[in-house]
Amino acid sequence: MSTILQQIGACRLVPVIALHDAAQAAPLGEALVAGGLPCAEVTFRTAAAAESIRIMAENTDLLVGAGTVLTIDQVKQAVDSGAKFMVSPGFNPKVVGYCVDHNIPITPGTSNPTDIEMALELGLDVVKFFPAEAFGGLKTLKAMSAPYSAVKFIPTGGINESNLQTYLAFPKVLACGGSWMVPNKLIGEGQFDEIAALVRSAVALAQS
């Protein structure tokens, strides 16, 4: 497992962020650090993604990655902007292969054993389980992961304060991805102190 993924495992949580205005990136990064969660997955769901990554990556206390990475061009753009890891919703062999060849940590989305075995074939030992709750949640993850003792998972999709601890209690879960502690409404309103408080609560829940 790469050092970057070990850092994510230490955080136990990956806040999944969609920023529509790059001006929000710096204060949001500061709120994450203030809340005790020095990690961020900035998704390529908006036009502001690359610039937001660049700004957040300037915060040396913050580990910044790119999410919803669908193409090799997006990987290159994310790396050029300072992203240290990639996250994709599904398993695209070309994207994953490029990242492996260039020593870029990537956790591709998996939802079945075939996806997991494709990841193993390319030397990965950490994958995303997505969309976690829609695909049966922890029950599915336990059944699906049983044959793969060396693989760790980052469940994402439907994870919140009500089920976080249940997921994290499963030894094969490295961390969980979620967005409840970084709600778009509060970001849009500039309520970064409130976001820091939500992040602080989420971290306390994850570590308890």
C-alpha atoms as a PDB file:
ATOM      1  CA  MET A   1       0.000   0.000   0.000  1.00  0.00           C
ATOM      2  CA  SER A   2       1.332   3.429  -0.959  1.00  0.00           C
ATOM      3  CA  THR A   3       2.215   6.067   1.612  1.00  0.00           C
ATOM      4  CA  ILE A   4      -0.626   8.237   0.299  1.00  0.00           C
ATOM      5  CA  LEU A   5      -3.176   5.485   0.857  1.00  0.00           C
ATOM      6  CA  GLN A   6      -1.743   4.888   4.314  1.00  0.00           C
ATOM      7  CA  GLN A   7      -2.383   8.572   5.058  1.00  0.00           C
ATOM      8  CA  ILE A   8      -5.984   8.155   3.894  1.00  0.00           C
ATOM      9  CA  GLY A   9      -6.305   5.116   6.133  1.00  0.00           C
ATOM     10  CA  ALA A  10      -5.070   7.173   9.074  1.00  0.00           C
ATOM     11  CA  CYS A  11      -7.748   9.793   8.373  1.00  0.00           C
ATOM     12  CA  ARG A  12     -10.460   7.085   8.187  1.00  0.00           C
ATOM     13  CA  LEU A  13     -12.618   9.549   6.244  1.00  0.00           C
ATOM     14  CA  VAL A  14     -12.406  11.093   2.788  1.00  0.00           C
ATOM     15  CA  PRO A  15     -14.635  14.143   2.304  1.00  0.00           C
ATOM     16  CA  VAL A  16     -16.028  14.070  -1.242  1.00  0.00           C
ATOM     17  CA  ILE A  17     -16.291  17.638  -2.526  1.00  0.00           C
ATOM     18  CA  ALA A  18     -17.855  19.290  -5.577  1.00  0.00           C
ATOM     19  CA  LEU A  19     -16.844  22.935  -5.826  1.00  0.00           C
ATOM     20  CA  HIS A  20     -18.591  25.231  -8.293  1.00  0.00           C
ATOM     21  CA  ASP A  21     -16.467  28.246  -7.373  1.00  0.00           C
ATOM     22  CA  ALA A  22     -12.715  27.928  -6.890  1.00  0.00           C
ATOM     23  CA  ALA A  23     -12.828  30.912  -4.524  1.00  0.00           C
ATOM     24  CA  GLN A  24     -14.338  28.526  -1.962  1.00  0.00           C
ATOM     25  CA  ALA A  25     -11.386  26.136  -2.147  1.00  0.00           C
ATOM     26  CA  ALA A  26      -8.974  27.841   0.264  1.00  0.00           C
ATOM     27  CA  PRO A  27     -11.440  28.465   3.115  1.00  0.00           C
ATOM     28  CA  LEU A  28     -12.873  24.977   2.706  1.00  0.00           C
ATOM     29  CA  GLY A  29      -9.408  23.469   2.941  1.00  0.00           C
ATOM     30  CA  GLU A  30      -8.772  25.485   6.084  1.00  0.00           C
ATOM     31  CA  ALA A  31     -12.066  24.253   7.549  1.00  0.00           C
ATOM     32  CA  LEU A  32     -11.090  20.631   6.905  1.00  0.00           C
ATOM     33  CA  VAL A  33      -7.733  21.090   8.617  1.00  0.00           C
ATOM     34  CA  ALA A  34      -9.334  22.970  11.502  1.00  0.00           C
ATOM     35  CA  GLY A  35     -11.820  20.136  11.915  1.00  0.00           C
ATOM     36  CA  GLY A  36      -9.026  17.552  12.094  1.00  0.00           C
ATOM     37  CA  LEU A  37      -9.536  16.002   8.659  1.00  0.00           C
ATOM     38  CA  PRO A  38      -6.528  16.963   6.501  1.00  0.00           C
ATOM     39  CA  CYS A  39      -7.769  15.168   3.381  1.00  0.00           C
ATOM     40  CA  ALA A  40     -10.003  16.055   0.436  1.00  0.00           C
ATOM     41  CA  GLU A  41     -11.299  14.401  -2.723  1.00  0.00           C
ATOM     42  CA  VAL A  42     -12.255  17.180  -5.149  1.00  0.00           C
ATOM     43  CA  THR A  43     -14.462  15.723  -7.853  1.00  0.00           C
ATOM     44  CA  PHE A  44     -14.306  16.497 -11.564  1.00  0.00           C
ATOM     45  CA  ARG A  45     -18.061  17.063 -11.583  1.00  0.00           C
ATOM     46  CA  THR A  46     -17.631  20.807 -12.037  1.00  0.00           C
ATOM     47  CA  ALA A  47     -15.613  23.127 -14.246  1.00  0.00           C
ATOM     48  CA  ALA A  48     -13.902  24.524 -11.153  1.00  0.00           C
ATOM     49  CA  ALA A  49     -12.328  21.199 -10.172  1.00  0.00           C
ATOM     50  CA  ALA A  50      -8.773  21.638 -11.466  1.00  0.00           C
ATOM     51  CA  GLU A  51      -8.405  25.186 -10.125  1.00  0.00           C
ATOM     52  CA  SER A  52      -9.924  24.135  -6.791  1.00  0.00           C
ATOM     53  CA  ILE A  53      -7.418  21.295  -6.533  1.00  0.00           C
ATOM     54  CA  ARG A  54      -4.578  23.694  -7.329  1.00  0.00           C
ATOM     55  CA  ILE A  55      -5.648  26.106  -4.601  1.00  0.00           C
ATOM     56  CA  MET A  56      -6.270  23.442  -1.970  1.00  0.00           C
ATOM     57  CA  ALA A  57      -2.970  21.732  -2.772  1.00  0.00           C
ATOM     58  CA  GLU A  58      -1.184  24.937  -1.761  1.00  0.00           C
ATOM     59  CA  ASN A  59      -2.237  24.133   1.817  1.00  0.00           C
ATOM     60  CA  THR A  60       0.697  22.006   2.941  1.00  0.00           C
ATOM     61  CA  ASP A  61      -1.359  20.516   5.784  1.00  0.00           C
ATOM     62  CA  LEU A  62      -3.883  19.046   3.336  1.00  0.00           C
ATOM     63  CA  LEU A  63      -3.720  15.848   1.266  1.00  0.00           C
ATOM     64  CA  VAL A  64      -5.666  16.598  -1.914  1.00  0.00           C
ATOM     65  CA  GLY A  65      -6.875  14.125  -4.494  1.00  0.00           C
ATOM     66  CA  ALA A  66      -9.141  14.154  -7.537  1.00  0.00           C
ATOM     67  CA  GLY A  67     -12.435  12.310  -7.722  1.00  0.00           C
ATOM     68  CA  THR A  68     -14.780  11.326 -10.561  1.00  0.00           C
ATOM     69  CA  VAL A  69     -11.705  10.855 -12.745  1.00  0.00           C
ATOM     70  CA  LEU A  70     -12.958   9.390 -16.016  1.00  0.00           C
ATOM     71  CA  THR A  71     -10.128   9.958 -18.514  1.00  0.00           C
ATOM     72  CA  ILE A  72      -6.353   9.976 -18.740  1.00  0.00           C
ATOM     73  CA  ASP A  73      -6.532  13.667 -19.628  1.00  0.00           C
ATOM     74  CA  GLN A  74      -8.291  14.346 -16.332  1.00  0.00           C
ATOM     75  CA  VAL A  75      -5.580  12.407 -14.496  1.00  0.00           C
ATOM     76  CA  LYS A  76      -2.924  14.561 -16.150  1.00  0.00           C
ATOM     77  CA  GLN A  77      -4.867  17.732 -15.372  1.00  0.00           C
ATOM     78  CA  ALA A  78      -5.320  16.687 -11.745  1.00  0.00           C
ATOM     79  CA  VAL A  79      -1.648  15.822 -11.277  1.00  0.00           C
ATOM     80  CA  ASP A  80      -0.585  19.095 -12.898  1.00  0.00           C
ATOM     81  CA  SER A  81      -2.877  20.864 -10.405  1.00  0.00           C
ATOM     82  CA  GLY A  82      -1.252  19.118  -7.436  1.00  0.00           C
ATOM     83  CA  ALA A  83      -3.525  16.134  -6.782  1.00  0.00           C
ATOM     84  CA  LYS A  84      -1.766  13.291  -4.958  1.00  0.00           C
ATOM     85  CA  PHE A  85      -4.315  10.529  -5.578  1.00  0.00           C
ATOM     86  CA  MET A  86      -7.101   9.646  -8.010  1.00  0.00           C
ATOM     87  CA  VAL A  87     -10.549   8.207  -7.391  1.00  0.00           C
ATOM     88  CA  SER A  88     -12.841   6.927 -10.134  1.00  0.00           C
ATOM     89  CA  PRO A  89     -16.485   5.805  -9.959  1.00  0.00           C
ATOM     90  CA  GLY A  90     -15.848   2.679 -12.013  1.00  0.00           C
ATOM     91  CA  PHE A  91     -13.011   0.551 -13.319  1.00  0.00           C
ATOM     92  CA  ASN A  92     -11.568   1.966 -16.529  1.00  0.00           C
ATOM     93  CA  PRO A  93      -8.560  -0.208 -17.448  1.00  0.00           C
ATOM     94  CA  LYS A  94      -6.911   2.564 -19.482  1.00  0.00           C
ATOM     95  CA  VAL A  95      -7.161   5.123 -16.683  1.00  0.00           C
ATOM     96  CA  VAL A  96      -6.084   2.676 -13.988  1.00  0.00           C
ATOM     97  CA  GLY A  97      -3.255   1.345 -16.161  1.00  0.00           C
ATOM     98  CA  TYR A  98      -1.954   4.855 -16.797  1.00  0.00           C
ATOM     99  CA  CYS A  99      -1.954   5.632 -13.086  1.00  0.00           C
ATOM    100  CA  VAL A 100      -0.173   2.386 -12.225  1.00  0.00           C
ATOM    101  CA  ASP A 101       2.444   2.994 -14.922  1.00  0.00           C
ATOM    102  CA  HIS A 102       3.107   6.488 -13.584  1.00  0.00           C
ATOM    103  CA  ASN A 103       3.033   5.583  -9.868  1.00  0.00           C
ATOM    104  CA  ILE A 104      -0.099   7.642  -9.216  1.00  0.00           C
ATOM    105  CA  PRO A 105      -2.220   6.165  -6.405  1.00  0.00           C
ATOM    106  CA  ILE A 106      -5.710   5.364  -7.675  1.00  0.00           C
ATOM    107  CA  THR A 107      -8.717   3.755  -6.034  1.00  0.00           C
ATOM    108  CA  PRO A 108     -11.092   2.735  -8.815  1.00  0.00           C
ATOM    109  CA  GLY A 109     -14.737   2.027  -8.183  1.00  0.00           C
ATOM    110  CA  THR A 110     -15.643  -1.646  -7.820  1.00  0.00           C
ATOM    111  CA  SER A 111     -19.007  -3.289  -7.259  1.00  0.00           C
ATOM    112  CA  ASN A 112     -18.400  -6.970  -8.056  1.00  0.00           C
ATOM    113  CA  PRO A 113     -15.678  -9.635  -7.913  1.00  0.00           C
ATOM    114  CA  THR A 114     -14.706  -9.111 -11.555  1.00  0.00           C
ATOM    115  CA  ASP A 115     -13.832  -5.480 -10.832  1.00  0.00           C
ATOM    116  CA  ILE A 116     -11.751  -6.542  -7.837  1.00  0.00           C
ATOM    117  CA  GLU A 117      -9.842  -9.130  -9.836  1.00  0.00           C
ATOM    118  CA  MET A 118      -9.124  -6.577 -12.559  1.00  0.00           C
ATOM    119  CA  ALA A 119      -7.669  -4.345  -9.853  1.00  0.00           C
ATOM    120  CA  LEU A 120      -5.572  -7.196  -8.471  1.00  0.00           C
ATOM    121  CA  GLU A 121      -4.273  -7.959 -11.951  1.00  0.00           C
ATOM    122  CA  LEU A 122      -2.888  -4.414 -12.118  1.00  0.00           C
ATOM    123  CA  GLY A 123      -1.302  -4.668  -8.682  1.00  0.00           C
ATOM    124  CA  LEU A 124      -3.809  -2.641  -6.658  1.00  0.00           C
ATOM    125  CA  ASP A 125      -4.590  -3.557  -3.058  1.00  0.00           C
ATOM    126  CA  VAL A 126      -7.060  -0.748  -2.250  1.00  0.00           C
ATOM    127  CA  VAL A 127     -10.264  -0.121  -4.206  1.00  0.00           C
ATOM    128  CA  LYS A 128     -13.412   1.938  -3.807  1.00  0.00           C
ATOM    129  CA  PHE A 129     -16.734   0.165  -3.190  1.00  0.00           C
ATOM    130  CA  PHE A 130     -19.295   2.278  -5.027  1.00  0.00           C
ATOM    131  CA  PRO A 131     -22.150   3.009  -4.770  1.00  0.00           C
ATOM    132  CA  ALA A 132     -21.950   1.291  -1.404  1.00  0.00           C
ATOM    133  CA  GLU A 133     -25.449   1.517   0.025  1.00  0.00           C
ATOM    134  CA  ALA A 134     -27.214   1.159  -3.341  1.00  0.00           C
ATOM    135  CA  PHE A 135     -25.333  -2.100  -3.943  1.00  0.00           C
ATOM    136  CA  GLY A 136     -26.320  -3.693  -0.660  1.00  0.00           C
ATOM    137  CA  GLY A 137     -24.073  -1.931   1.814  1.00  0.00           C
ATOM    138  CA  LEU A 138     -21.890  -3.735   4.306  1.00  0.00           C
ATOM    139  CA  LYS A 139     -23.650  -7.070   3.812  1.00  0.00           C
ATOM    140  CA  THR A 140     -22.645  -7.091   0.144  1.00  0.00           C
ATOM    141  CA  LEU A 141     -19.141  -5.857   0.905  1.00  0.00           C
ATOM    142  CA  LYS A 142     -18.537  -8.636   3.422  1.00  0.00           C
ATOM    143  CA  ALA A 143     -19.733 -11.316   1.029  1.00  0.00           C
ATOM    144  CA  MET A 144     -17.916  -9.884  -1.983  1.00  0.00           C
ATOM    145  CA  SER A 145     -14.618  -9.296  -0.188  1.00  0.00           C
ATOM    146  CA  ALA A 146     -14.423 -12.724   1.462  1.00  0.00           C
ATOM    147  CA  PRO A 147     -12.155 -14.338  -1.182  1.00  0.00           C
ATOM    148  CA  TYR A 148      -9.795 -11.362  -1.288  1.00  0.00           C
ATOM    149  CA  SER A 149      -7.876 -11.251   1.963  1.00  0.00           C
ATOM    150  CA  ALA A 150      -5.276  -8.735   0.779  1.00  0.00           C
ATOM    151  CA  VAL A 151      -7.693  -6.097  -0.534  1.00  0.00           C
ATOM    152  CA  LYS A 152      -8.868  -3.051   1.423  1.00  0.00           C
ATOM    153  CA  PHE A 153     -11.938  -1.030   0.514  1.00  0.00           C
ATOM    154  CA  ILE A 154     -13.093   2.581   0.663  1.00  0.00           C
ATOM    155  CA  PRO A 155     -16.907   2.406   0.651  1.00  0.00           C
ATOM    156  CA  THR A 156     -18.512   5.523  -0.795  1.00  0.00           C
ATOM    157  CA  GLY A 157     -22.102   6.353  -1.630  1.00  0.00           C
ATOM    158  CA  GLY A 158     -24.750   6.613   1.047  1.00  0.00           C
ATOM    159  CA  ILE A 159     -22.239   6.747   3.895  1.00  0.00           C
ATOM    160  CA  ASN A 160     -23.244   9.132   6.684  1.00  0.00           C
ATOM    161  CA  GLU A 161     -23.129   9.563  10.448  1.00  0.00           C
ATOM    162  CA  SER A 162     -25.715   6.813  10.970  1.00  0.00           C
ATOM    163  CA  ASN A 163     -23.725   3.996   9.336  1.00  0.00           C
ATOM    164  CA  LEU A 164     -20.122   5.232   9.357  1.00  0.00           C
ATOM    165  CA  GLN A 165     -19.021   3.357  12.461  1.00  0.00           C
ATOM    166  CA  THR A 166     -20.565   0.105  11.226  1.00  0.00           C
ATOM    167  CA  TYR A 167     -18.524   0.297   8.026  1.00  0.00           C
ATOM    168  CA  LEU A 168     -15.302   1.302   9.776  1.00  0.00           C
ATOM    169  CA  ALA A 169     -15.646  -1.600  12.209  1.00  0.00           C
ATOM    170  CA  PHE A 170     -15.162  -4.030   9.307  1.00  0.00           C
ATOM    171  CA  PRO A 171     -11.401  -4.775   9.161  1.00  0.00           C
ATOM    172  CA  LYS A 172     -11.280  -4.690   5.354  1.00  0.00           C
ATOM    173  CA  VAL A 173     -12.475  -1.073   5.272  1.00  0.00           C
ATOM    174  CA  LEU A 174      -9.534   1.321   5.042  1.00  0.00           C
ATOM    175  CA  ALA A 175     -11.647   4.487   5.148  1.00  0.00           C
ATOM    176  CA  CYS A 176     -15.040   5.759   4.053  1.00  0.00           C
ATOM    177  CA  GLY A 177     -15.890   8.454   1.559  1.00  0.00           C
ATOM    178  CA  GLY A 178     -18.750  10.845   2.200  1.00  0.00           C
ATOM    179  CA  SER A 179     -20.057  14.349   1.718  1.00  0.00           C
ATOM    180  CA  TRP A 180     -22.357  14.907   4.694  1.00  0.00           C
ATOM    181  CA  MET A 181     -19.691  16.923   6.552  1.00  0.00           C
ATOM    182  CA  VAL A 182     -19.113  19.224   3.551  1.00  0.00           C
ATOM    183  CA  PRO A 183     -22.674  20.001   2.380  1.00  0.00           C
ATOM    184  CA  ASN A 184     -22.976  22.066  -0.789  1.00  0.00           C
ATOM    185  CA  LYS A 185     -25.455  24.424   0.880  1.00  0.00           C
ATOM    186  CA  LEU A 186     -23.007  25.470   3.584  1.00  0.00           C
ATOM    187  CA  ILE A 187     -20.161  25.766   1.085  1.00  0.00           C
ATOM    188  CA  GLY A 188     -22.288  28.004  -1.110  1.00  0.00           C
ATOM    189  CA  GLU A 189     -23.236  30.169   1.868  1.00  0.00           C
ATOM    190  CA  GLY A 190     -19.627  30.442   3.012  1.00  0.00           C
ATOM    191  CA  GLN A 191     -20.421  28.859   6.379  1.00  0.00           C
ATOM    192  CA  PHE A 192     -16.940  27.446   6.841  1.00  0.00           C
ATOM    193  CA  ASP A 193     -16.950  27.600  10.644  1.00  0.00           C
ATOM    194  CA  GLU A 194     -20.050  25.425  10.603  1.00  0.00           C
ATOM    195  CA  ILE A 195     -18.384  23.042   8.161  1.00  0.00           C
ATOM    196  CA  ALA A 196     -15.367  22.808  10.487  1.00  0.00           C
ATOM    197  CA  ALA A 197     -17.744  21.859  13.314  1.00  0.00           C
ATOM    198  CA  LEU A 198     -19.403  19.174  11.167  1.00  0.00           C
ATOM    199  CA  VAL A 199     -15.985  17.843  10.185  1.00  0.00           C
ATOM    200  CA  ARG A 200     -14.913  17.767  13.834  1.00  0.00           C
ATOM    201  CA  SER A 201     -17.996  15.720  14.725  1.00  0.00           C
ATOM    202  CA  ALA A 202     -17.404  13.326  11.831  1.00  0.00           C
ATOM    203  CA  VAL A 203     -13.771  12.797  12.858  1.00  0.00           C
ATOM    204  CA  ALA A 204     -14.799  12.124  16.457  1.00  0.00           C
ATOM    205  CA  LEU A 205     -17.334   9.569  15.225  1.00  0.00           C
ATOM    206  CA  ALA A 206     -14.791   7.865  12.983  1.00  0.00           C
ATOM    207  CA  GLN A 207     -12.202   7.590  15.738  1.00  0.00           C
ATOM    208  CA  SER A 208     -14.527   6.478  18.526  1.00  0.00           C
END
